[in-house]
């Protein structure tokens, strides 16, 4: 069977683990080795298994395994097997360390990637919020500007309307000779919501509370006797200063002077007032 050469080398390399081949534990005694060999060799002996082409090889492997477990060679085999196990354990430990190192490295990389992704998301969200706030602020500013513009237009319209209303509610007082006292003017117009007056040398402009009050004052004052001044609706001189003057014409086509144009305007105004009073009386 070959008793020369080193254990585990040459033709015995294919045996790998003689204990396992003989179905023995590592601490089996010499008697147990012989008993196991006898039992297994009888099963695979070529003379008992003429139809098995692998019987001779199996028998040879068993015989060589028994020879390796002889007292002189077994200690060397056990030493080498122990060294091989220790080496495997060291490799396993090293593999475990490398695996742990790799896992730690992968874990750190994963955590770093997660932090980077979170930072990118946070930066993206911050930029999106900044843009949203800018757009929202721009919309608010535009809305506020539109609101202020509308308010300014409303205030301007209200002011224009109030100014127009105030111009429609003015009276023009005229007199000859000595001017009436302010107190006497107040007394004569006290029933018509007098607001203010501007008195000149030969005339005065009186502001009434409304156009209706001014019209009533004109009608009432014209029916009064011994009144020291004449009362008429005041022309809208403010508009005349900005608009092209309008010239009233007679049917004959002759131009009228400024005083005649005012008289015609006042006459027309009185006619309109009388017609209005008639309509109210009829209803």
C-alpha atoms as a PDB file:
ATOM      1  CA  UNK A   1       0.000   0.000   0.000  1.00  0.00           C
ATOM      2  CA  UNK A   2       3.019   2.261   0.124  1.00  0.00           C
ATOM      3  CA  UNK A   3       4.493   3.089   3.447  1.00  0.00           C
ATOM      4  CA  UNK A   4       7.001   5.625   2.151  1.00  0.00           C
ATOM      5  CA  UNK A   5       6.535   9.337   1.384  1.00  0.00           C
ATOM      6  CA  UNK A   6       4.977  12.115   3.406  1.00  0.00           C
ATOM      7  CA  UNK A   7       1.430  11.840   4.673  1.00  0.00           C
ATOM      8  CA  UNK A   8      -1.096  13.729   2.569  1.00  0.00           C
ATOM      9  CA  UNK A   9       1.177  13.886  -0.463  1.00  0.00           C
ATOM     10  CA  UNK A  10       1.600  11.825  -3.603  1.00  0.00           C
ATOM     11  CA  UNK A  11      -0.895   9.021  -4.106  1.00  0.00           C
ATOM     12  CA  UNK A  12      -2.652   9.724  -0.798  1.00  0.00           C
ATOM     13  CA  UNK A  13      -3.783  13.214  -1.794  1.00  0.00           C
ATOM     14  CA  UNK A  14      -7.188  11.906  -2.862  1.00  0.00           C
ATOM     15  CA  UNK A  15      -8.012  10.506   0.561  1.00  0.00           C
ATOM     16  CA  UNK A  16      -8.694  13.950   2.079  1.00  0.00           C
ATOM     17  CA  UNK A  17     -10.134  12.753   5.428  1.00  0.00           C
ATOM     18  CA  UNK A  18      -9.265   9.111   6.336  1.00  0.00           C
ATOM     19  CA  UNK A  19     -11.454   9.294   9.479  1.00  0.00           C
ATOM     20  CA  UNK A  20     -14.499  10.184   7.422  1.00  0.00           C
ATOM     21  CA  UNK A  21     -13.661   7.520   4.827  1.00  0.00           C
ATOM     22  CA  UNK A  22     -13.574   4.836   7.542  1.00  0.00           C
ATOM     23  CA  UNK A  23     -16.623   6.351   9.271  1.00  0.00           C
ATOM     24  CA  UNK A  24     -14.662   7.053  12.472  1.00  0.00           C
ATOM     25  CA  UNK A  25     -14.384   9.880  14.973  1.00  0.00           C
ATOM     26  CA  UNK A  26     -11.095  11.716  15.341  1.00  0.00           C
ATOM     27  CA  UNK A  27     -10.443  10.106  18.739  1.00  0.00           C
ATOM     28  CA  UNK A  28     -11.091   6.503  17.586  1.00  0.00           C
ATOM     29  CA  UNK A  29      -8.689   3.874  18.999  1.00  0.00           C
ATOM     30  CA  UNK A  30      -6.599   1.325  17.123  1.00  0.00           C
ATOM     31  CA  UNK A  31      -9.127  -1.424  17.728  1.00  0.00           C
ATOM     32  CA  UNK A  32     -11.974   0.701  16.396  1.00  0.00           C
ATOM     33  CA  UNK A  33      -9.884   1.504  13.308  1.00  0.00           C
ATOM     34  CA  UNK A  34      -9.251  -2.194  12.567  1.00  0.00           C
ATOM     35  CA  UNK A  35     -12.899  -3.120  13.160  1.00  0.00           C
ATOM     36  CA  UNK A  36     -14.122  -0.360  10.843  1.00  0.00           C
ATOM     37  CA  UNK A  37     -11.642  -1.303   8.160  1.00  0.00           C
ATOM     38  CA  UNK A  38     -12.585  -4.984   8.312  1.00  0.00           C
ATOM     39  CA  UNK A  39     -16.293  -4.214   8.089  1.00  0.00           C
ATOM     40  CA  UNK A  40     -16.057  -1.762   5.180  1.00  0.00           C
ATOM     41  CA  UNK A  41     -13.432  -3.713   3.230  1.00  0.00           C
ATOM     42  CA  UNK A  42     -15.603  -6.818   3.240  1.00  0.00           C
ATOM     43  CA  UNK A  43     -18.431  -4.786   1.696  1.00  0.00           C
ATOM     44  CA  UNK A  44     -16.355  -3.414  -1.186  1.00  0.00           C
ATOM     45  CA  UNK A  45     -13.849  -6.257  -1.713  1.00  0.00           C
ATOM     46  CA  UNK A  46     -13.446  -6.900  -5.469  1.00  0.00           C
ATOM     47  CA  UNK A  47     -13.918 -10.647  -5.025  1.00  0.00           C
ATOM     48  CA  UNK A  48     -17.314 -10.064  -3.432  1.00  0.00           C
ATOM     49  CA  UNK A  49     -18.340  -7.414  -5.949  1.00  0.00           C
ATOM     50  CA  UNK A  50     -17.300  -8.728  -9.381  1.00  0.00           C
ATOM     51  CA  UNK A  51     -19.989  -6.627 -11.083  1.00  0.00           C
ATOM     52  CA  UNK A  52     -18.818  -3.315  -9.520  1.00  0.00           C
ATOM     53  CA  UNK A  53     -16.018  -1.771 -11.643  1.00  0.00           C
ATOM     54  CA  UNK A  54     -15.210   0.681  -8.805  1.00  0.00           C
ATOM     55  CA  UNK A  55     -14.875  -1.998  -6.130  1.00  0.00           C
ATOM     56  CA  UNK A  56     -11.079  -2.266  -6.469  1.00  0.00           C
ATOM     57  CA  UNK A  57     -10.625   1.506  -6.168  1.00  0.00           C
ATOM     58  CA  UNK A  58     -12.869   1.681  -3.092  1.00  0.00           C
ATOM     59  CA  UNK A  59     -10.951  -1.185  -1.463  1.00  0.00           C
ATOM     60  CA  UNK A  60      -7.645   0.530  -2.238  1.00  0.00           C
ATOM     61  CA  UNK A  61      -8.799   3.829  -0.693  1.00  0.00           C
ATOM     62  CA  UNK A  62      -9.919   2.039   2.478  1.00  0.00           C
ATOM     63  CA  UNK A  63      -6.598   0.251   2.769  1.00  0.00           C
ATOM     64  CA  UNK A  64      -4.591   3.428   2.321  1.00  0.00           C
ATOM     65  CA  UNK A  65      -6.783   5.212   4.863  1.00  0.00           C
ATOM     66  CA  UNK A  66      -6.118   2.484   7.423  1.00  0.00           C
ATOM     67  CA  UNK A  67      -2.381   2.751   6.726  1.00  0.00           C
ATOM     68  CA  UNK A  68      -2.482   6.516   7.309  1.00  0.00           C
ATOM     69  CA  UNK A  69      -4.036   5.900  10.728  1.00  0.00           C
ATOM     70  CA  UNK A  70      -1.229   3.625  11.857  1.00  0.00           C
ATOM     71  CA  UNK A  71       0.375   4.796  15.054  1.00  0.00           C
ATOM     72  CA  UNK A  72       3.517   6.051  13.318  1.00  0.00           C
ATOM     73  CA  UNK A  73       1.755   8.170  10.717  1.00  0.00           C
ATOM     74  CA  UNK A  74      -1.442   9.178  12.525  1.00  0.00           C
ATOM     75  CA  UNK A  75       0.184  11.863  14.690  1.00  0.00           C
ATOM     76  CA  UNK A  76       1.567  13.620  11.628  1.00  0.00           C
ATOM     77  CA  UNK A  77      -1.833  13.357   9.942  1.00  0.00           C
ATOM     78  CA  UNK A  78      -3.589  14.775  13.003  1.00  0.00           C
ATOM     79  CA  UNK A  79      -1.070  17.634  13.226  1.00  0.00           C
ATOM     80  CA  UNK A  80      -1.586  18.568   9.594  1.00  0.00           C
ATOM     81  CA  UNK A  81      -5.362  18.276   9.890  1.00  0.00           C
ATOM     82  CA  UNK A  82      -5.291  20.483  12.993  1.00  0.00           C
ATOM     83  CA  UNK A  83      -3.100  23.025  11.178  1.00  0.00           C
ATOM     84  CA  UNK A  84      -5.516  22.953   8.233  1.00  0.00           C
ATOM     85  CA  UNK A  85      -8.484  23.536  10.584  1.00  0.00           C
ATOM     86  CA  UNK A  86      -6.687  26.389  12.311  1.00  0.00           C
ATOM     87  CA  UNK A  87      -5.895  27.911   8.934  1.00  0.00           C
ATOM     88  CA  UNK A  88      -9.524  27.617   7.883  1.00  0.00           C
ATOM     89  CA  UNK A  89     -10.609  29.226  11.131  1.00  0.00           C
ATOM     90  CA  UNK A  90      -8.144  32.079  10.618  1.00  0.00           C
ATOM     91  CA  UNK A  91      -9.383  32.479   7.069  1.00  0.00           C
ATOM     92  CA  UNK A  92     -12.938  32.425   8.318  1.00  0.00           C
ATOM     93  CA  UNK A  93     -12.104  35.049  10.930  1.00  0.00           C
ATOM     94  CA  UNK A  94     -10.304  37.114   8.336  1.00  0.00           C
ATOM     95  CA  UNK A  95     -13.231  36.703   5.983  1.00  0.00           C
ATOM     96  CA  UNK A  96     -15.545  37.780   8.785  1.00  0.00           C
ATOM     97  CA  UNK A  97     -13.352  40.818   9.474  1.00  0.00           C
ATOM     98  CA  UNK A  98     -13.203  41.684   5.795  1.00  0.00           C
ATOM     99  CA  UNK A  99     -16.938  41.144   5.482  1.00  0.00           C
ATOM    100  CA  UNK A 100     -17.556  43.340   8.511  1.00  0.00           C
ATOM    101  CA  UNK A 101     -15.160  45.956   7.125  1.00  0.00           C
ATOM    102  CA  UNK A 102     -16.919  45.834   3.762  1.00  0.00           C
ATOM    103  CA  UNK A 103     -20.312  46.016   5.402  1.00  0.00           C
ATOM    104  CA  UNK A 104     -19.170  48.962   7.543  1.00  0.00           C
ATOM    105  CA  UNK A 105     -17.759  50.677   4.464  1.00  0.00           C
ATOM    106  CA  UNK A 106     -20.935  50.047   2.516  1.00  0.00           C
ATOM    107  CA  UNK A 107     -22.958  51.258   5.482  1.00  0.00           C
ATOM    108  CA  UNK A 108     -20.954  54.479   5.688  1.00  0.00           C
ATOM    109  CA  UNK A 109     -21.278  54.974   1.946  1.00  0.00           C
ATOM    110  CA  UNK A 110     -25.026  54.353   2.146  1.00  0.00           C
ATOM    111  CA  UNK A 111     -25.339  56.810   5.053  1.00  0.00           C
ATOM    112  CA  UNK A 112     -23.230  59.381   3.191  1.00  0.00           C
ATOM    113  CA  UNK A 113     -25.344  58.953   0.066  1.00  0.00           C
ATOM    114  CA  UNK A 114     -28.492  59.296   2.152  1.00  0.00           C
ATOM    115  CA  UNK A 115     -27.171  62.494   3.761  1.00  0.00           C
ATOM    116  CA  UNK A 116     -26.183  63.856   0.371  1.00  0.00           C
ATOM    117  CA  UNK A 117     -29.603  63.015  -1.067  1.00  0.00           C
ATOM    118  CA  UNK A 118     -31.288  64.578   1.965  1.00  0.00           C
ATOM    119  CA  UNK A 119     -29.154  67.717   1.573  1.00  0.00           C
ATOM    120  CA  UNK A 120     -30.043  67.909  -2.115  1.00  0.00           C
ATOM    121  CA  UNK A 121     -33.738  67.455  -1.327  1.00  0.00           C
ATOM    122  CA  UNK A 122     -33.526  70.114   1.380  1.00  0.00           C
ATOM    123  CA  UNK A 123     -31.757  72.504  -0.998  1.00  0.00           C
ATOM    124  CA  UNK A 124     -34.331  71.770  -3.710  1.00  0.00           C
ATOM    125  CA  UNK A 125     -37.207  72.286  -1.267  1.00  0.00           C
ATOM    126  CA  UNK A 126     -35.633  75.517  -0.005  1.00  0.00           C
ATOM    127  CA  UNK A 127     -35.192  76.813  -3.561  1.00  0.00           C
ATOM    128  CA  UNK A 128     -38.759  75.834  -4.439  1.00  0.00           C
ATOM    129  CA  UNK A 129     -40.044  77.585  -1.302  1.00  0.00           C
ATOM    130  CA  UNK A 130     -37.953  80.675  -2.091  1.00  0.00           C
ATOM    131  CA  UNK A 131     -39.384  80.822  -5.616  1.00  0.00           C
ATOM    132  CA  UNK A 132     -42.893  80.267  -4.279  1.00  0.00           C
ATOM    133  CA  UNK A 133     -42.477  83.054  -1.725  1.00  0.00           C
ATOM    134  CA  UNK A 134     -41.109  85.376  -4.418  1.00  0.00           C
ATOM    135  CA  UNK A 135     -44.029  84.609  -6.736  1.00  0.00           C
ATOM    136  CA  UNK A 136     -46.509  84.927  -3.880  1.00  0.00           C
ATOM    137  CA  UNK A 137     -44.981  88.251  -2.811  1.00  0.00           C
ATOM    138  CA  UNK A 138     -45.022  89.498  -6.417  1.00  0.00           C
ATOM    139  CA  UNK A 139     -48.686  88.513  -6.732  1.00  0.00           C
ATOM    140  CA  UNK A 140     -49.493  90.206  -3.428  1.00  0.00           C
ATOM    141  CA  UNK A 141     -47.681  93.366  -4.532  1.00  0.00           C
ATOM    142  CA  UNK A 142     -49.513  93.383  -7.886  1.00  0.00           C
ATOM    143  CA  UNK A 143     -52.837  92.799  -6.136  1.00  0.00           C
ATOM    144  CA  UNK A 144     -52.074  95.588  -3.655  1.00  0.00           C
ATOM    145  CA  UNK A 145     -51.070  97.935  -6.463  1.00  0.00           C
ATOM    146  CA  UNK A 146     -54.290  97.131  -8.323  1.00  0.00           C
ATOM    147  CA  UNK A 147     -56.270  97.668  -5.127  1.00  0.00           C
ATOM    148  CA  UNK A 148     -54.562 101.008  -4.487  1.00  0.00           C
ATOM    149  CA  UNK A 149     -55.074 102.034  -8.104  1.00  0.00           C
ATOM    150  CA  UNK A 150     -58.781 101.183  -7.874  1.00  0.00           C
ATOM    151  CA  UNK A 151     -59.054 103.075  -4.601  1.00  0.00           C
ATOM    152  CA  UNK A 152     -57.317 106.074  -6.114  1.00  0.00           C
ATOM    153  CA  UNK A 153     -59.687 105.946  -9.063  1.00  0.00           C
ATOM    154  CA  UNK A 154     -62.662 105.646  -6.707  1.00  0.00           C
ATOM    155  CA  UNK A 155     -61.398 108.538  -4.581  1.00  0.00           C
ATOM    156  CA  UNK A 156     -60.759 110.622  -7.691  1.00  0.00           C
ATOM    157  CA  UNK A 157     -64.207 109.764  -9.036  1.00  0.00           C
ATOM    158  CA  UNK A 158     -65.792 110.558  -5.671  1.00  0.00           C
ATOM    159  CA  UNK A 159     -63.875 113.823  -5.473  1.00  0.00           C
ATOM    160  CA  UNK A 160     -64.877 114.733  -9.019  1.00  0.00           C
ATOM    161  CA  UNK A 161     -68.474 113.838  -8.279  1.00  0.00           C
ATOM    162  CA  UNK A 162     -68.417 115.845  -5.036  1.00  0.00           C
ATOM    163  CA  UNK A 163     -66.835 118.772  -6.849  1.00  0.00           C
ATOM    164  CA  UNK A 164     -69.427 118.550  -9.603  1.00  0.00           C
ATOM    165  CA  UNK A 165     -72.181 118.349  -7.018  1.00  0.00           C
ATOM    166  CA  UNK A 166     -70.747 121.334  -5.153  1.00  0.00           C
ATOM    167  CA  UNK A 167     -70.529 123.359  -8.376  1.00  0.00           C
ATOM    168  CA  UNK A 168     -74.159 122.519  -9.143  1.00  0.00           C
ATOM    169  CA  UNK A 169     -75.174 123.720  -5.662  1.00  0.00           C
ATOM    170  CA  UNK A 170     -73.725 127.274  -5.864  1.00  0.00           C
ATOM    171  CA  UNK A 171     -75.631 130.524  -5.983  1.00  0.00           C
ATOM    172  CA  UNK A 172     -74.526 133.840  -7.400  1.00  0.00           C
ATOM    173  CA  UNK A 173     -75.721 136.908  -5.505  1.00  0.00           C
ATOM    174  CA  UNK A 174     -75.477 140.343  -7.128  1.00  0.00           C
ATOM    175  CA  UNK A 175     -76.431 143.827  -5.937  1.00  0.00           C
ATOM    176  CA  UNK A 176     -76.094 147.439  -6.777  1.00  0.00           C
ATOM    177  CA  UNK A 177     -74.831 150.074  -4.436  1.00  0.00           C
ATOM    178  CA  UNK A 178     -73.943 149.172  -0.879  1.00  0.00           C
ATOM    179  CA  UNK A 179     -73.248 145.503  -0.266  1.00  0.00           C
ATOM    180  CA  UNK A 180     -75.602 143.648   2.080  1.00  0.00           C
ATOM    181  CA  UNK A 181     -74.159 142.441   5.331  1.00  0.00           C
ATOM    182  CA  UNK A 182     -73.072 138.856   5.675  1.00  0.00           C
ATOM    183  CA  UNK A 183     -75.561 138.404   8.495  1.00  0.00           C
ATOM    184  CA  UNK A 184     -78.448 139.578   6.338  1.00  0.00           C
ATOM    185  CA  UNK A 185     -77.450 137.134   3.587  1.00  0.00           C
ATOM    186  CA  UNK A 186     -77.340 134.352   6.172  1.00  0.00           C
ATOM    187  CA  UNK A 187     -80.800 135.212   7.439  1.00  0.00           C
ATOM    188  CA  UNK A 188     -82.323 135.302   3.937  1.00  0.00           C
ATOM    189  CA  UNK A 189     -80.792 131.940   3.012  1.00  0.00           C
ATOM    190  CA  UNK A 190     -81.026 130.213   6.397  1.00  0.00           C
ATOM    191  CA  UNK A 191     -83.860 127.941   5.233  1.00  0.00           C
ATOM    192  CA  UNK A 192     -81.879 126.512   2.295  1.00  0.00           C
ATOM    193  CA  UNK A 193     -78.923 124.706   3.890  1.00  0.00           C
ATOM    194  CA  UNK A 194     -76.309 127.397   3.431  1.00  0.00           C
ATOM    195  CA  UNK A 195     -72.774 126.060   3.814  1.00  0.00           C
ATOM    196  CA  UNK A 196     -70.384 128.907   3.002  1.00  0.00           C
ATOM    197  CA  UNK A 197     -70.028 132.134   1.043  1.00  0.00           C
ATOM    198  CA  UNK A 198     -67.405 134.278  -0.654  1.00  0.00           C
ATOM    199  CA  UNK A 199     -68.421 137.941  -0.669  1.00  0.00           C
ATOM    200  CA  UNK A 200     -66.980 140.418  -3.152  1.00  0.00           C
ATOM    201  CA  UNK A 201     -67.601 144.104  -3.877  1.00  0.00           C
ATOM    202  CA  UNK A 202     -70.669 143.672  -6.069  1.00  0.00           C
ATOM    203  CA  UNK A 203     -71.399 139.960  -5.880  1.00  0.00           C
ATOM    204  CA  UNK A 204     -71.037 136.854  -3.783  1.00  0.00           C
ATOM    205  CA  UNK A 205     -70.771 133.108  -4.390  1.00  0.00           C
ATOM    206  CA  UNK A 206     -72.779 131.060  -1.917  1.00  0.00           C
ATOM    207  CA  UNK A 207     -72.314 127.302  -1.466  1.00  0.00           C
ATOM    208  CA  UNK A 208     -75.532 125.436  -0.656  1.00  0.00           C
ATOM    209  CA  UNK A 209     -75.905 121.894   0.625  1.00  0.00           C
ATOM    210  CA  UNK A 210     -77.384 120.517  -2.598  1.00  0.00           C
ATOM    211  CA  UNK A 211     -78.558 121.509  -6.042  1.00  0.00           C
ATOM    212  CA  UNK A 212     -82.168 121.136  -4.898  1.00  0.00           C
ATOM    213  CA  UNK A 213     -81.539 123.548  -2.019  1.00  0.00           C
ATOM    214  CA  UNK A 214     -79.963 126.019  -4.432  1.00  0.00           C
ATOM    215  CA  UNK A 215     -82.923 125.790  -6.836  1.00  0.00           C
ATOM    216  CA  UNK A 216     -85.419 126.293  -4.019  1.00  0.00           C
ATOM    217  CA  UNK A 217     -83.464 129.300  -2.808  1.00  0.00           C
ATOM    218  CA  UNK A 218     -83.558 130.862  -6.300  1.00  0.00           C
ATOM    219  CA  UNK A 219     -87.328 130.383  -6.600  1.00  0.00           C
ATOM    220  CA  UNK A 220     -88.115 131.589  -3.094  1.00  0.00           C
ATOM    221  CA  UNK A 221     -85.818 134.594  -3.211  1.00  0.00           C
ATOM    222  CA  UNK A 222     -87.243 135.731  -6.559  1.00  0.00           C
ATOM    223  CA  UNK A 223     -90.710 135.764  -5.047  1.00  0.00           C
ATOM    224  CA  UNK A 224     -89.587 137.859  -2.114  1.00  0.00           C
ATOM    225  CA  UNK A 225     -89.973 141.634  -2.220  1.00  0.00           C
ATOM    226  CA  UNK A 226     -87.541 144.215  -0.904  1.00  0.00           C
ATOM    227  CA  UNK A 227     -84.633 141.742  -1.190  1.00  0.00           C
ATOM    228  CA  UNK A 228     -81.373 143.701  -1.327  1.00  0.00           C
ATOM    229  CA  UNK A 229     -79.721 141.302  -3.796  1.00  0.00           C
ATOM    230  CA  UNK A 230     -80.559 139.132  -6.754  1.00  0.00           C
ATOM    231  CA  UNK A 231     -80.176 135.344  -6.589  1.00  0.00           C
ATOM    232  CA  UNK A 232     -79.266 133.096  -9.506  1.00  0.00           C
ATOM    233  CA  UNK A 233     -77.522 129.784 -10.083  1.00  0.00           C
ATOM    234  CA  UNK A 234     -73.769 130.345 -10.295  1.00  0.00           C
ATOM    235  CA  UNK A 235     -72.116 129.295 -13.562  1.00  0.00           C
ATOM    236  CA  UNK A 236     -69.435 126.662 -13.417  1.00  0.00           C
ATOM    237  CA  UNK A 237     -66.522 129.008 -13.919  1.00  0.00           C
ATOM    238  CA  UNK A 238     -64.013 126.264 -13.075  1.00  0.00           C
ATOM    239  CA  UNK A 239     -65.119 124.290 -16.118  1.00  0.00           C
ATOM    240  CA  UNK A 240     -65.248 127.387 -18.291  1.00  0.00           C
ATOM    241  CA  UNK A 241     -61.564 127.982 -17.498  1.00  0.00           C
ATOM    242  CA  UNK A 242     -60.588 124.583 -18.888  1.00  0.00           C
ATOM    243  CA  UNK A 243     -63.151 124.072 -21.624  1.00  0.00           C
ATOM    244  CA  UNK A 244     -63.582 125.967 -24.852  1.00  0.00           C
ATOM    245  CA  UNK A 245     -66.166 128.679 -24.262  1.00  0.00           C
ATOM    246  CA  UNK A 246     -69.581 127.959 -25.682  1.00  0.00           C
ATOM    247  CA  UNK A 247     -71.369 130.896 -27.364  1.00  0.00           C
ATOM    248  CA  UNK A 248     -75.141 130.910 -27.248  1.00  0.00           C
ATOM    249  CA  UNK A 249     -76.818 132.191 -30.415  1.00  0.00           C
ATOM    250  CA  UNK A 250     -80.155 133.815 -31.118  1.00  0.00           C
ATOM    251  CA  UNK A 251     -82.402 132.351 -33.815  1.00  0.00           C
ATOM    252  CA  UNK A 252     -81.310 135.194 -36.107  1.00  0.00           C
ATOM    253  CA  UNK A 253     -77.712 134.005 -35.796  1.00  0.00           C
ATOM    254  CA  UNK A 254     -76.389 137.127 -34.037  1.00  0.00           C
ATOM    255  CA  UNK A 255     -73.732 136.486 -31.405  1.00  0.00           C
ATOM    256  CA  UNK A 256     -74.538 137.247 -27.780  1.00  0.00           C
ATOM    257  CA  UNK A 257     -72.151 138.921 -25.341  1.00  0.00           C
ATOM    258  CA  UNK A 258     -71.031 137.354 -22.109  1.00  0.00           C
ATOM    259  CA  UNK A 259     -73.731 139.021 -19.953  1.00  0.00           C
ATOM    260  CA  UNK A 260     -76.483 138.158 -22.446  1.00  0.00           C
ATOM    261  CA  UNK A 261     -75.303 134.521 -22.603  1.00  0.00           C
ATOM    262  CA  UNK A 262     -75.481 134.268 -18.818  1.00  0.00           C
ATOM    263  CA  UNK A 263     -78.959 135.756 -18.754  1.00  0.00           C
ATOM    264  CA  UNK A 264     -80.152 133.262 -21.354  1.00  0.00           C
ATOM    265  CA  UNK A 265     -78.590 130.418 -19.368  1.00  0.00           C
ATOM    266  CA  UNK A 266     -80.263 131.607 -16.184  1.00  0.00           C
ATOM    267  CA  UNK A 267     -83.637 131.950 -17.950  1.00  0.00           C
ATOM    268  CA  UNK A 268     -83.372 128.426 -19.262  1.00  0.00           C
ATOM    269  CA  UNK A 269     -82.471 127.165 -15.794  1.00  0.00           C
ATOM    270  CA  UNK A 270     -85.534 128.870 -14.295  1.00  0.00           C
ATOM    271  CA  UNK A 271     -87.757 127.395 -16.999  1.00  0.00           C
ATOM    272  CA  UNK A 272     -86.424 123.935 -16.173  1.00  0.00           C
ATOM    273  CA  UNK A 273     -87.116 124.510 -12.496  1.00  0.00           C
ATOM    274  CA  UNK A 274     -90.685 125.607 -13.162  1.00  0.00           C
ATOM    275  CA  UNK A 275     -91.290 122.564 -15.351  1.00  0.00           C
ATOM    276  CA  UNK A 276     -89.907 120.332 -12.609  1.00  0.00           C
ATOM    277  CA  UNK A 277     -92.193 121.890 -10.007  1.00  0.00           C
ATOM    278  CA  UNK A 278     -95.227 121.455 -12.311  1.00  0.00           C
ATOM    279  CA  UNK A 279     -94.401 117.771 -12.825  1.00  0.00           C
ATOM    280  CA  UNK A 280     -94.071 117.208  -9.092  1.00  0.00           C
ATOM    281  CA  UNK A 281     -97.373 119.012  -8.463  1.00  0.00           C
ATOM    282  CA  UNK A 282     -99.101 116.931 -11.131  1.00  0.00           C
ATOM    283  CA  UNK A 283     -97.962 113.673  -9.575  1.00  0.00           C
END
